[in-house]
Each structure stands twice: as C-alpha cells, then as structure tokens.
C-alpha cells in the first residue's frame, strides 16, 4: 500500500521506492531486493560507479521506513538539483546518457551483476554529467541470462537518437508521446532506407522491430534477446550497441537564434552594461537556483553559474542548446544544465494519472527566473497577452529579471514587418501595468545604448 509521501515516479518498481519526509528525499529498499542490494554494495560495484561519477551516491540511514513491513534498508541519496527528462535533452545529452548506460552495464558484469533497467528516466544530469539515479537497477548476474533491458535501451536511446541523426533532431519530442520509449516499428518506418545498410541500426532497430511483430501474439516476448546468452555474447551485444551509438552524430546548424549574439543589435557597450545589470540583480537576490527561460547559448546563464549557482538554461532552439551543452562539456562546467523547452508548450505532466513525470511548473517555482530578450517573441510572435505572461512567470519564479523590448527596437520591428500591429498595449507603460498585478517592481533600469529596459521583480504572495 502506497502513502502520500511516496513519489509517483517510482511506484512501478517492486524492489523499492522513493519517498519524502519533512522535505528530505529517501529511498526504501524492499526485502525482495536484499540479495541484489547486498551484492551491489559488497562486490565493489557501487563504489566503482560512484567514483566514476556514473551512480548517484547515498548513505544508509537509521529511520523508520515508509512501509516497514516490507523494508530492508532506507537510503538517503544525494539530491539532484533539477530533474530533467529525455525529451528536454539535446542530441548530445541523449547520446552521452546512452553511452553512460552502456558503460554502467559493462561494469556491472565485471562485478557479477546485470543492469536490469535501461530507462532514460533513470539518468539525470548532475554536476554537468549523466549519472544513474536508480540504485535498484541492478540484479545478480546468472550465467546464460540475456540482457533483459535490451529492448528498453533501444526504445529509450537508440531509436530516438537514430531518428534525430537521420531525420530531424526535433523527433526527440516523440519521447513526450511514448513515455516508455519510441516503438521500434515506428522508428523503422520513419528511418531512411540507407539505415538498413548500417549493421547496428539494421540489427537493433529494423530486424528487432520485425522480430517484435513476428512474436507479438506469443505469451513470451522472444523478440528482445535470445532466451539464453553466453556472457561473451552479452559483452559483444554491449560492444555493438556502443559502436552503433558512437557512430550517430548531428551537427547543430547556425540557426537564427543559435547565432543571435553574432547578429545582436546591441552595441558592445550596451551588451556589457546589460550583463552588469543582470549580475547585480542576481547578487542582490542571492538565489540557490536560477532558470534562464530563453537562454540561447547560455551567455547570461553563466553570470549565475560562475557564482556557483545551479542554473537551468532553457531554449526552444535545439541548436542553441546543443552548442551550450558542448561548451559545458568542453569547459568542465558543473552548475549549468542546458535543456530544450518551448515556453508556449512547456513540458506537461505525463504518465500514470499524469503524475510520473512532472510539468515544468510542478518543478518550480525557482528562486530566480531570467526572461531576457524573450517577451517580444512571446507577446508578438505568439500573441500571448502581457498579463498572461506575467501570471505564468510568477508561477515559475519567486523573483524575476525581465527585459522589455519596445516596438522601436529593430528586433521587434523585424517581427512586425510581416504582420499587422495588433498590440496597442505593448508599450512600456502597458508592460508595467500588466506585470504589476503579479509582481512588485523592485527596480528598473534603461540599458544605455539601446531602447530596452531591464526590471527586477518579486512575485506577489497569494
């Protein structure tokens, strides 16, 4: 029997579950999982993976379990500051998560264990790198046992990566529709014919999909893997999956927004003044976490990360997010998390009872949200009224740094060039009036050398 403290994202696993008590996150390990948990901890696998940054560390705690009648241990895992989902990742993030999953599976075999779950939702980005957060994803390896997570890996990682690489990077959004991974028959139909000449994709997607269809009516699914598999064959399977994933690539193009700062209408002096103002507002608020809601390549997000603040850098453009992620990797940054997000259609609540995966709003509110060079796109390009923007931002952040870009600005003029101006209230006074219902305006400053105004606001309490 579950309790209100049990997290809805972990209710499916009979081995244990997550729960919160007085704001602290815990994991209950059930008695059923005792042999596997003991093997994980005593074999050296746990420490090996933690030392490699591939598994979230935990401490065993002596507290009352949430369901004591079936409990074996209670763990307190290290907390990941922001939970993201694979449909919010860039191509590079999904690929690195896939490679991390395969590395974990291989290391598990070296310690007499098998990775029994290959769900992309078990991977999170922490300190700039992909890490497994589900301590209960392992089982004691039995000779001849196949990799039971093979099909899951193909659906959660390989299929979407192949579709992103060979079709369109935006097809990662299929993971929002298919929460248990992209069906292989669908991926097989969508992929171009030339992928059948790629041995890895032919084997793990096209032939795999055909086998699933052939055995669909049988009680035992024989499509996933052979019923018995020697360890050397299992290692060969992991090797082939690794080489197939490594061979997939996607190069972010220089899109309109990915190259925004190369074509900005700011003077260098105005741009630097804007950065100084944003930094001053950040230091005034002293947030524990920042969400940059239109981060582009992370230029302004890094004003927070360089101060040691965990920052989620959202942007609608997959190319901008990919470039940001590549910079994170190249620089070894630990406080930055770039993610793909369309604010006009943000990540919703998904899964069983719409509670397994949280919406963006449910993961907030954050201490401080940044909305820089963003309002005109939402208000003019997407016809979102200013008061609705204000209410939405107030739900996402306790504090807000926001930039108003007036109609006289060249960027707004470009947006209005091909459409009728139906926005009579889109003025500085109209902006302040609309936002004053949801926020207290704490400070504002015109950015010298531009027509733009920067505001620091605090959300009104209910």
Protein backbone atom coordinates (compact mmCIF):
# COMPACT_ATOMS: atom_id res chain seq x y z
CA UNK A 1 0.00 0.00 0.00
CA UNK A 2 1.42 3.37 -1.02
CA UNK A 3 1.39 6.55 1.02
CA UNK A 4 1.17 10.22 0.17
CA UNK A 5 4.89 10.51 0.84
CA UNK A 6 5.74 8.01 -1.92
CA UNK A 7 6.94 9.68 -5.10
CA UNK A 8 4.72 8.83 -8.05
CA UNK A 9 7.72 8.38 -10.37
CA UNK A 10 8.87 5.21 -8.59
CA UNK A 11 5.66 3.30 -7.88
CA UNK A 12 6.24 0.64 -10.56
CA UNK A 13 9.37 -0.94 -9.02
CA UNK A 14 8.77 -3.84 -6.59
CA UNK A 15 12.37 -3.52 -5.39
CA UNK A 16 11.73 -0.22 -3.60
CA UNK A 17 10.59 3.35 -3.98
CA UNK A 18 11.36 6.99 -3.27
CA UNK A 19 9.59 8.98 -0.59
CA UNK A 20 9.87 12.35 1.11
CA UNK A 21 9.69 13.09 4.80
CA UNK A 22 9.94 16.61 6.18
CA UNK A 23 11.30 17.74 2.83
CA UNK A 24 14.08 15.12 2.73
CA UNK A 25 14.33 12.57 -0.10
CA UNK A 26 14.74 8.90 0.85
CA UNK A 27 14.69 5.57 -0.94
CA UNK A 28 13.22 2.46 0.68
CA UNK A 29 14.87 -0.80 -0.35
CA UNK A 30 12.42 -3.66 -0.03
CA UNK A 31 13.24 -7.07 1.43
CA UNK A 32 12.68 -8.57 -2.00
CA UNK A 33 15.74 -6.75 -3.27
CA UNK A 34 18.07 -7.69 -0.38
CA UNK A 35 20.33 -10.18 -2.26
CA UNK A 36 20.83 -7.77 -5.17
CA UNK A 37 21.42 -4.76 -2.91
CA UNK A 38 23.97 -6.67 -0.81
CA UNK A 39 25.80 -7.75 -3.96
CA UNK A 40 25.84 -4.17 -5.25
CA UNK A 41 27.27 -2.81 -2.01
CA UNK A 42 29.67 -5.62 -1.07
CA UNK A 43 31.05 -6.50 -4.50
CA UNK A 44 32.67 -3.12 -5.01
CA UNK A 45 30.40 -2.16 -7.92
CA UNK A 46 28.67 0.63 -6.01
CA UNK A 47 31.93 2.32 -5.06
CA UNK A 48 33.38 1.82 -8.53
CA UNK A 49 30.41 3.53 -10.20
CA UNK A 50 30.22 6.32 -7.63
CA UNK A 51 33.94 7.04 -8.00
CA UNK A 52 33.48 7.19 -11.78
CA UNK A 53 30.58 9.62 -11.44
CA UNK A 54 28.18 7.14 -13.01
CA UNK A 55 25.96 6.41 -9.98
CA UNK A 56 24.42 8.83 -7.51
CA UNK A 57 25.89 8.24 -4.03
CA UNK A 58 23.76 7.54 -0.98
CA UNK A 59 24.05 6.96 2.73
CA UNK A 60 22.18 4.30 4.70
CA UNK A 61 20.11 5.95 7.42
CA UNK A 62 18.52 4.61 10.56
CA UNK A 63 14.98 5.97 10.35
CA UNK A 64 11.53 4.43 10.26
CA UNK A 65 10.80 3.08 6.79
CA UNK A 66 7.73 4.31 4.93
CA UNK A 67 6.46 0.72 4.62
CA UNK A 68 8.35 -1.07 7.43
CA UNK A 69 6.63 -4.43 6.94
CA UNK A 70 8.48 -4.95 3.63
CA UNK A 71 11.55 -2.77 4.17
CA UNK A 72 15.19 -3.89 4.17
CA UNK A 73 17.08 -0.59 4.15
CA UNK A 74 16.39 3.14 3.93
CA UNK A 75 18.80 5.23 1.88
CA UNK A 76 19.31 8.96 1.63
CA UNK A 77 20.56 9.69 -1.90
CA UNK A 78 22.47 12.76 -2.91
CA UNK A 79 19.95 15.21 -4.32
CA UNK A 80 19.99 16.22 -7.98
CA UNK A 81 19.10 19.95 -8.06
CA UNK A 82 16.80 19.71 -11.09
CA UNK A 83 15.09 16.63 -12.54
CA UNK A 84 15.03 16.75 -16.34
CA UNK A 85 13.55 14.36 -18.86
CA UNK A 86 14.94 12.90 -22.11
CA UNK A 87 12.52 14.87 -24.30
CA UNK A 88 14.14 18.01 -22.85
CA UNK A 89 17.69 16.94 -23.76
CA UNK A 90 19.76 17.92 -26.75
CA UNK A 91 21.14 15.29 -29.11
CA UNK A 92 24.48 15.28 -27.32
CA UNK A 93 22.87 14.86 -23.93
CA UNK A 94 20.79 11.88 -25.05
CA UNK A 95 23.83 10.32 -26.70
CA UNK A 96 26.02 10.78 -23.61
CA UNK A 97 23.24 9.34 -21.43
CA UNK A 98 23.13 6.29 -23.72
CA UNK A 99 26.89 5.83 -23.54
CA UNK A 100 26.80 6.15 -19.74
CA UNK A 101 24.08 3.48 -19.56
CA UNK A 102 26.17 1.07 -21.64
CA UNK A 103 29.29 1.80 -19.56
CA UNK A 104 27.34 1.02 -16.39
CA UNK A 105 26.01 -2.22 -17.88
CA UNK A 106 29.52 -3.33 -18.81
CA UNK A 107 30.99 -2.51 -15.41
CA UNK A 108 28.13 -4.31 -13.68
CA UNK A 109 29.08 -7.55 -15.45
CA UNK A 110 32.63 -7.22 -14.14
CA UNK A 111 31.20 -7.39 -10.61
CA UNK A 112 28.76 -10.23 -11.18
CA UNK A 113 25.70 -8.06 -11.76
CA UNK A 114 23.37 -7.16 -14.62
CA UNK A 115 21.80 -3.77 -15.32
CA UNK A 116 18.13 -4.77 -15.40
CA UNK A 117 16.71 -1.34 -16.28
CA UNK A 118 17.89 0.86 -19.16
CA UNK A 119 15.30 3.60 -18.84
CA UNK A 120 16.40 7.06 -19.93
CA UNK A 121 14.43 8.41 -16.96
CA UNK A 122 16.91 6.69 -14.63
CA UNK A 123 19.63 9.01 -15.93
CA UNK A 124 19.92 12.59 -14.73
CA UNK A 125 22.40 15.34 -15.41
CA UNK A 126 24.31 16.15 -12.25
CA UNK A 127 27.47 18.24 -11.99
CA UNK A 128 27.47 18.51 -15.76
CA UNK A 129 27.45 14.78 -16.50
CA UNK A 130 24.94 11.93 -16.90
CA UNK A 131 24.53 9.81 -13.77
CA UNK A 132 22.33 6.84 -12.87
CA UNK A 133 19.97 7.77 -10.05
CA UNK A 134 18.20 4.42 -9.58
CA UNK A 135 20.25 2.40 -7.12
CA UNK A 136 17.87 -0.53 -7.57
CA UNK A 137 18.58 -1.04 -11.29
CA UNK A 138 20.92 -3.99 -10.76
CA UNK A 139 20.43 -7.70 -10.22
CA UNK A 140 22.80 -10.60 -9.56
CA UNK A 141 24.00 -11.97 -12.88
CA UNK A 142 23.07 -15.56 -13.68
CA UNK A 143 25.09 -17.41 -16.30
CA UNK A 144 23.27 -17.52 -19.61
CA UNK A 145 20.86 -14.74 -18.68
CA UNK A 146 20.32 -12.28 -21.55
CA UNK A 147 20.23 -8.53 -21.13
CA UNK A 148 16.61 -8.04 -20.14
CA UNK A 149 16.91 -4.27 -20.67
CA UNK A 150 17.93 -4.60 -24.34
CA UNK A 151 14.60 -3.61 -25.86
CA UNK A 152 14.20 -0.77 -23.36
CA UNK A 153 17.61 0.60 -24.30
CA UNK A 154 16.75 0.51 -27.98
CA UNK A 155 13.43 2.29 -27.45
CA UNK A 156 14.67 4.89 -24.95
CA UNK A 157 18.02 5.68 -26.53
CA UNK A 158 18.92 4.14 -29.88
CA UNK A 159 15.66 4.74 -31.75
CA UNK A 160 15.30 8.44 -30.85
CA UNK A 161 19.00 9.07 -31.46
CA UNK A 162 18.80 7.46 -34.90
CA UNK A 163 15.70 9.50 -35.77
CA UNK A 164 17.42 12.69 -34.61
CA UNK A 165 20.57 11.91 -36.58
CA UNK A 166 18.99 10.71 -39.84
CA UNK A 167 15.62 12.51 -39.95
CA UNK A 168 15.14 15.59 -37.79
CA UNK A 169 16.56 16.49 -34.39
CA UNK A 170 13.08 17.58 -33.26
CA UNK A 171 11.89 13.97 -33.34
CA UNK A 172 13.25 13.65 -29.82
CA UNK A 173 9.83 15.04 -28.89
CA UNK A 174 8.37 11.62 -29.69
CA UNK A 175 9.54 10.68 -26.20
CA UNK A 176 6.86 13.02 -24.84
CA UNK A 177 4.23 10.92 -26.59
CA UNK A 178 5.76 7.50 -26.00
CA UNK A 179 6.82 7.63 -22.37
CA UNK A 180 8.10 4.03 -22.49
CA UNK A 181 10.32 4.78 -25.47
CA UNK A 182 9.85 5.14 -29.21
CA UNK A 183 8.23 1.97 -30.62
CA UNK A 184 10.75 0.21 -32.82
CA UNK A 185 8.27 -0.46 -35.62
CA UNK A 186 7.57 3.26 -35.81
CA UNK A 187 11.27 4.11 -35.80
CA UNK A 188 11.88 1.51 -38.52
CA UNK A 189 9.19 3.06 -40.73
CA UNK A 190 10.45 6.60 -40.23
CA UNK A 191 14.16 5.96 -40.74
CA UNK A 192 15.51 6.30 -44.30
CA UNK A 193 16.24 3.14 -46.26
CA UNK A 194 20.01 3.68 -46.09
CA UNK A 195 19.96 2.89 -42.37
CA UNK A 196 19.29 -0.74 -43.28
CA UNK A 197 22.84 -0.82 -44.62
CA UNK A 198 24.15 0.15 -41.17
CA UNK A 199 24.73 -3.15 -39.37
CA UNK A 200 23.94 -1.75 -35.91
CA UNK A 201 20.74 0.02 -36.91
CA UNK A 202 19.66 -2.87 -39.10
CA UNK A 203 20.13 -5.30 -36.21
CA UNK A 204 18.88 -3.29 -33.26
CA UNK A 205 16.04 -1.36 -34.88
CA UNK A 206 14.87 -2.82 -38.21
CA UNK A 207 15.35 -6.55 -37.50
CA UNK A 208 14.42 -6.02 -33.86
CA UNK A 209 11.14 -4.39 -34.93
CA UNK A 210 10.39 -7.27 -37.32
CA UNK A 211 11.04 -9.80 -34.57
CA UNK A 212 8.70 -7.96 -32.22
CA UNK A 213 5.96 -8.05 -34.83
CA UNK A 214 6.54 -11.73 -35.58
CA UNK A 215 6.29 -12.78 -31.93
CA UNK A 216 3.70 -10.20 -30.86
CA UNK A 217 0.98 -12.79 -30.19
CA UNK A 218 3.18 -15.14 -28.17
CA UNK A 219 2.94 -15.22 -24.40
CA UNK A 220 6.71 -14.82 -24.01
CA UNK A 221 8.33 -11.99 -25.88
CA UNK A 222 11.19 -13.62 -27.75
CA UNK A 223 11.95 -10.51 -29.74
CA UNK A 224 14.03 -8.76 -27.14
CA UNK A 225 17.01 -11.12 -26.89
CA UNK A 226 17.74 -14.85 -27.13
CA UNK A 227 16.43 -16.86 -24.19
CA UNK A 228 19.99 -17.78 -23.24
CA UNK A 229 23.10 -15.77 -23.95
CA UNK A 230 26.66 -16.58 -23.02
CA UNK A 231 28.47 -13.82 -21.18
CA UNK A 232 30.85 -13.27 -24.08
CA UNK A 233 27.85 -12.77 -26.38
CA UNK A 234 26.32 -10.34 -23.92
CA UNK A 235 29.55 -8.34 -23.90
CA UNK A 236 29.52 -8.44 -27.69
CA UNK A 237 25.98 -7.05 -27.70
CA UNK A 238 27.04 -4.16 -25.48
CA UNK A 239 30.07 -3.52 -27.67
CA UNK A 240 27.93 -3.40 -30.80
CA UNK A 241 25.37 -1.09 -29.21
CA UNK A 242 28.18 1.17 -28.07
CA UNK A 243 29.75 1.38 -31.53
CA UNK A 244 26.32 2.00 -33.09
CA UNK A 245 25.52 4.84 -30.70
CA UNK A 246 29.00 6.33 -31.06
CA UNK A 247 28.56 6.35 -34.84
CA UNK A 248 25.47 8.55 -34.66
CA UNK A 249 26.10 12.26 -35.00
CA UNK A 250 24.33 15.55 -35.50
CA UNK A 251 25.88 18.94 -36.16
CA UNK A 252 23.96 21.98 -34.89
CA UNK A 253 23.46 24.44 -37.68
CA UNK A 254 23.94 28.17 -37.31
CA UNK A 255 20.24 28.95 -36.97
CA UNK A 256 18.70 32.35 -36.44
CA UNK A 257 18.76 32.05 -32.66
CA UNK A 258 21.89 29.93 -32.25
CA UNK A 259 23.83 32.82 -33.85
CA UNK A 260 21.87 35.51 -32.02
CA UNK A 261 24.85 37.10 -30.30
CA UNK A 262 26.76 37.29 -33.56
CA UNK A 263 23.94 39.41 -35.04
CA UNK A 264 22.71 41.28 -31.96
CA UNK A 265 21.53 44.85 -32.37
CA UNK A 266 23.28 45.82 -29.12
CA UNK A 267 26.42 47.85 -29.14
CA UNK A 268 29.21 46.16 -27.25
CA UNK A 269 28.89 48.79 -24.53
CA UNK A 270 25.14 48.20 -24.16
CA UNK A 271 25.64 44.44 -24.13
CA UNK A 272 28.22 44.69 -21.35
CA UNK A 273 26.01 47.05 -19.37
CA UNK A 274 23.14 44.60 -19.62
CA UNK A 275 25.39 41.84 -18.30
CA UNK A 276 26.49 44.06 -15.41
CA UNK A 277 22.87 44.87 -14.51
CA UNK A 278 21.79 41.22 -14.64
CA UNK A 279 24.74 40.20 -12.49
CA UNK A 280 23.91 42.91 -9.95
CA UNK A 281 20.31 41.69 -9.74
CA UNK A 282 21.47 38.09 -9.30
CA UNK A 283 23.79 39.11 -6.49
CA UNK A 284 21.01 41.12 -4.87
CA UNK A 285 18.60 38.17 -4.82
CA UNK A 286 21.28 35.55 -3.98
CA UNK A 287 19.26 32.62 -5.35
CA UNK A 288 20.09 28.96 -4.75
CA UNK A 289 18.92 28.12 -8.27
CA UNK A 290 18.23 30.09 -11.45
CA UNK A 291 16.14 29.25 -14.51
CA UNK A 292 17.08 31.14 -17.66
CA UNK A 293 13.88 30.83 -19.69
CA UNK A 294 15.33 31.97 -23.01
CA UNK A 295 18.98 31.16 -22.53
CA UNK A 296 20.14 30.83 -26.14
CA UNK A 297 23.79 29.71 -25.85
CA UNK A 298 23.97 30.41 -22.11
CA UNK A 299 25.77 33.77 -22.23
CA UNK A 300 23.71 35.24 -19.40
CA UNK A 301 23.15 31.92 -17.64
CA UNK A 302 26.86 31.84 -16.95
CA UNK A 303 26.59 35.02 -14.91
CA UNK A 304 24.90 32.78 -12.33
CA UNK A 305 26.96 29.61 -12.76
CA UNK A 306 30.23 31.49 -12.34
CA UNK A 307 28.91 32.50 -8.92
CA UNK A 308 28.36 28.85 -8.03
CA UNK A 309 24.58 28.93 -8.62
CA UNK A 310 22.87 25.90 -10.15
CA UNK A 311 21.31 27.15 -13.37
CA UNK A 312 18.95 25.55 -15.86
CA UNK A 313 19.35 27.15 -19.29
CA UNK A 314 16.19 26.61 -21.35
CA UNK A 315 15.80 27.42 -25.01
CA UNK A 316 13.42 26.47 -27.81
CA UNK A 317 16.24 26.03 -30.34
CA UNK A 318 17.89 22.57 -30.27
CA UNK A 319 20.98 24.00 -31.99
CA UNK A 320 21.49 26.64 -29.31
CA UNK A 321 21.01 24.06 -26.56
CA UNK A 322 23.43 21.64 -28.22
CA UNK A 323 26.06 24.37 -28.54
CA UNK A 324 25.57 25.27 -24.90
CA UNK A 325 25.92 21.63 -23.84
CA UNK A 326 29.10 21.23 -25.87
CA UNK A 327 30.51 24.29 -24.11
CA UNK A 328 29.56 22.78 -20.74
CA UNK A 329 31.49 19.61 -21.63
CA UNK A 330 34.48 21.44 -23.07
CA UNK A 331 34.80 23.71 -20.03
CA UNK A 332 34.01 21.06 -17.42
CA UNK A 333 31.15 23.16 -16.05
CA UNK A 334 29.21 21.64 -13.16
CA UNK A 335 26.49 24.20 -12.45
CA UNK A 336 24.93 24.54 -15.93
CA UNK A 337 22.12 22.36 -17.31
CA UNK A 338 21.06 23.27 -20.87
CA UNK A 339 17.58 22.00 -21.86
CA UNK A 340 15.21 22.25 -24.82
CA UNK A 341 11.93 23.94 -23.91
CA UNK A 342 9.14 25.70 -25.79
CA UNK A 343 7.55 28.09 -23.29
CA UNK A 344 4.38 28.22 -25.39
CA UNK A 345 4.09 24.44 -25.00
CA UNK A 346 6.15 23.53 -21.92
CA UNK A 347 6.73 20.03 -20.63
CA UNK A 348 3.43 18.71 -19.24
CA UNK A 349 2.60 16.21 -16.51
CA UNK A 350 2.85 12.74 -18.05
CA UNK A 351 2.46 9.07 -17.24
CA UNK A 352 0.11 7.18 -14.98
CA UNK A 353 -2.50 9.54 -13.54
CA UNK A 354 -0.42 12.33 -15.13
CA UNK A 355 1.93 12.08 -12.16
CA UNK A 356 5.00 10.08 -13.22
CA UNK A 357 6.74 12.98 -14.98
CA UNK A 358 6.28 16.48 -13.61
CA UNK A 359 5.38 19.53 -15.63
CA UNK A 360 7.77 22.45 -15.68
CA UNK A 361 5.58 24.37 -13.24
CA UNK A 362 5.49 21.42 -10.82
CA UNK A 363 9.29 21.51 -10.69
CA UNK A 364 9.15 25.14 -9.60
CA UNK A 365 8.93 27.78 -8.50
CA UNK A 366 12.61 28.59 -8.76
CA UNK A 367 14.26 31.29 -6.65
CA UNK A 368 15.04 33.47 -9.66
CA UNK A 369 13.93 33.31 -13.30
CA UNK A 370 15.57 35.23 -16.14
CA UNK A 371 13.47 36.33 -19.12
CA UNK A 372 15.90 38.28 -21.30
CA UNK A 373 15.14 39.28 -24.90
CA UNK A 374 12.11 37.00 -24.64
CA UNK A 375 8.92 38.97 -24.02
CA UNK A 376 8.57 40.29 -27.57
CA UNK A 377 8.76 36.78 -29.02
CA UNK A 378 6.01 35.54 -26.72
CA UNK A 379 3.79 38.62 -26.86
CA UNK A 380 4.11 39.46 -30.55
CA UNK A 381 5.16 36.27 -32.35
CA UNK A 382 2.83 34.08 -30.28
CA UNK A 383 0.07 36.56 -29.35
CA UNK A 384 0.32 35.89 -25.62
CA UNK A 385 -1.18 38.84 -23.68
CA UNK A 386 1.19 40.56 -21.27
CA UNK A 387 -0.95 39.82 -18.22
CA UNK A 388 -0.93 36.11 -19.08
CA UNK A 389 2.86 36.26 -19.44
CA UNK A 390 3.13 37.88 -16.03
CA UNK A 391 0.95 35.23 -14.37
CA UNK A 392 2.96 32.43 -15.99
CA UNK A 393 6.30 33.89 -14.93
CA UNK A 394 5.00 34.41 -11.38
CA UNK A 395 4.18 30.70 -11.20
CA UNK A 396 7.70 29.78 -12.29
CA UNK A 397 9.87 32.15 -10.23
CA UNK A 398 9.75 33.92 -6.89
CA UNK A 399 11.98 36.63 -8.37
CA UNK A 400 12.19 37.69 -12.00
CA UNK A 401 14.74 39.57 -14.06
CA UNK A 402 12.97 40.55 -17.25
CA UNK A 403 13.84 42.68 -20.25
CA UNK A 404 11.26 44.77 -22.05
CA UNK A 405 12.00 45.26 -25.76
CA UNK A 406 9.85 48.10 -27.17
CA UNK A 407 8.36 48.37 -30.65
CA UNK A 408 11.07 50.85 -31.66
CA UNK A 409 13.73 48.13 -31.25
CA UNK A 410 14.95 46.61 -34.51
CA UNK A 411 14.22 43.08 -33.30
CA UNK A 412 10.55 43.94 -32.72
CA UNK A 413 10.40 45.83 -36.00
CA UNK A 414 11.54 42.68 -37.73
CA UNK A 415 8.72 40.69 -36.08
CA UNK A 416 6.15 43.30 -37.12
CA UNK A 417 7.41 43.61 -40.68
CA UNK A 418 5.23 40.79 -41.99
CA UNK A 419 2.16 41.19 -39.83
CA UNK A 420 -0.38 43.76 -38.67
CA UNK A 421 0.39 45.55 -35.43
CA UNK A 422 -2.50 44.39 -33.23
CA UNK A 423 -0.68 45.11 -29.99
CA UNK A 424 -1.76 48.58 -28.75
CA UNK A 425 -0.90 47.77 -25.12
CA UNK A 426 2.61 46.58 -25.99
CA UNK A 427 4.27 49.68 -24.52
CA UNK A 428 6.48 50.25 -21.53
CA UNK A 429 3.54 51.58 -19.53
CA UNK A 430 1.32 48.71 -20.68
CA UNK A 431 4.03 46.23 -19.73
CA UNK A 432 4.42 47.65 -16.23
CA UNK A 433 0.64 47.76 -15.73
CA UNK A 434 0.21 44.13 -16.81
CA UNK A 435 3.05 42.83 -14.67
CA UNK A 436 2.11 44.87 -11.60
CA UNK A 437 -0.82 42.52 -10.95
CA UNK A 438 1.53 39.55 -10.43
CA UNK A 439 4.77 41.24 -9.35
CA UNK A 440 6.12 44.07 -7.30
CA UNK A 441 8.58 46.04 -9.42
CA UNK A 442 11.65 46.34 -7.21
CA UNK A 443 14.00 48.07 -9.63
CA UNK A 444 14.24 49.03 -13.28
CA UNK A 445 16.98 50.47 -15.45
CA UNK A 446 17.18 51.50 -19.07
CA UNK A 447 20.08 49.86 -20.85
CA UNK A 448 22.18 52.72 -22.19
CA UNK A 449 22.83 52.49 -25.90
CA UNK A 450 19.55 50.67 -26.51
CA UNK A 451 15.83 51.27 -26.16
CA UNK A 452 15.41 48.33 -23.80
CA UNK A 453 14.56 48.34 -20.07
CA UNK A 454 15.62 45.77 -17.51
CA UNK A 455 13.44 45.03 -14.47
CA UNK A 456 13.93 43.21 -11.19
CA UNK A 457 10.58 42.00 -9.88
CA UNK A 458 9.33 39.95 -6.95
CA UNK A 459 6.26 37.75 -7.28
CA UNK A 460 3.36 38.79 -5.10
CA UNK A 461 2.35 36.34 -2.41
CA UNK A 462 -1.16 34.91 -2.53
